[in-house]
Amino acid sequence: QVQLVESGGGLVQAGGSLRLSCAASGRTFSNYAMGWFRQAPGKEREFVAAISGSSRSTIYAASVKGRFTISRDNAKNTVYLQMNSLKPEDTADYYCARAKAEYGLGAQQSRYDVWGQGTQVTVSS
């Protein structure tokens, strides 16, 4: 059973930076696209960014493009989300997810079948 464990969340002032990590168990990490999603209090979970297994392709939500960067290290079975120029509206629980084997990267949550437990990010104004 693959497990995903996020870390790196915390409290930061507006304009600051955080780097989230998501460590995956299993031997075939590089075969799967990975994504980051977030859920703010009282709102539905939304797509943030995704990266292909080879790191050749990435996609971002319009709200984070230019501020967030997704990357991965397949040797460490880890995917990262570097978040810069954080805004109070970025406050949310952030989740990493593994795409289903038959899908490449994408924004739809239905493409993903393994989810982490989440890490909380709070951006103060």
Foldseek 3Di string as FASTA:
>chain_A
DKAKAKDWADEEAAQAKIKMKIAIDDDPLLLWKKFKWWDAPPGDIFGAKIAWSVRPDMDGDPVQPPFWDWDDDNVRRMIMIIGGRDDQVVWTWMKMFTADNVDTDDTDPVRTDYIHPTDTHGYHD
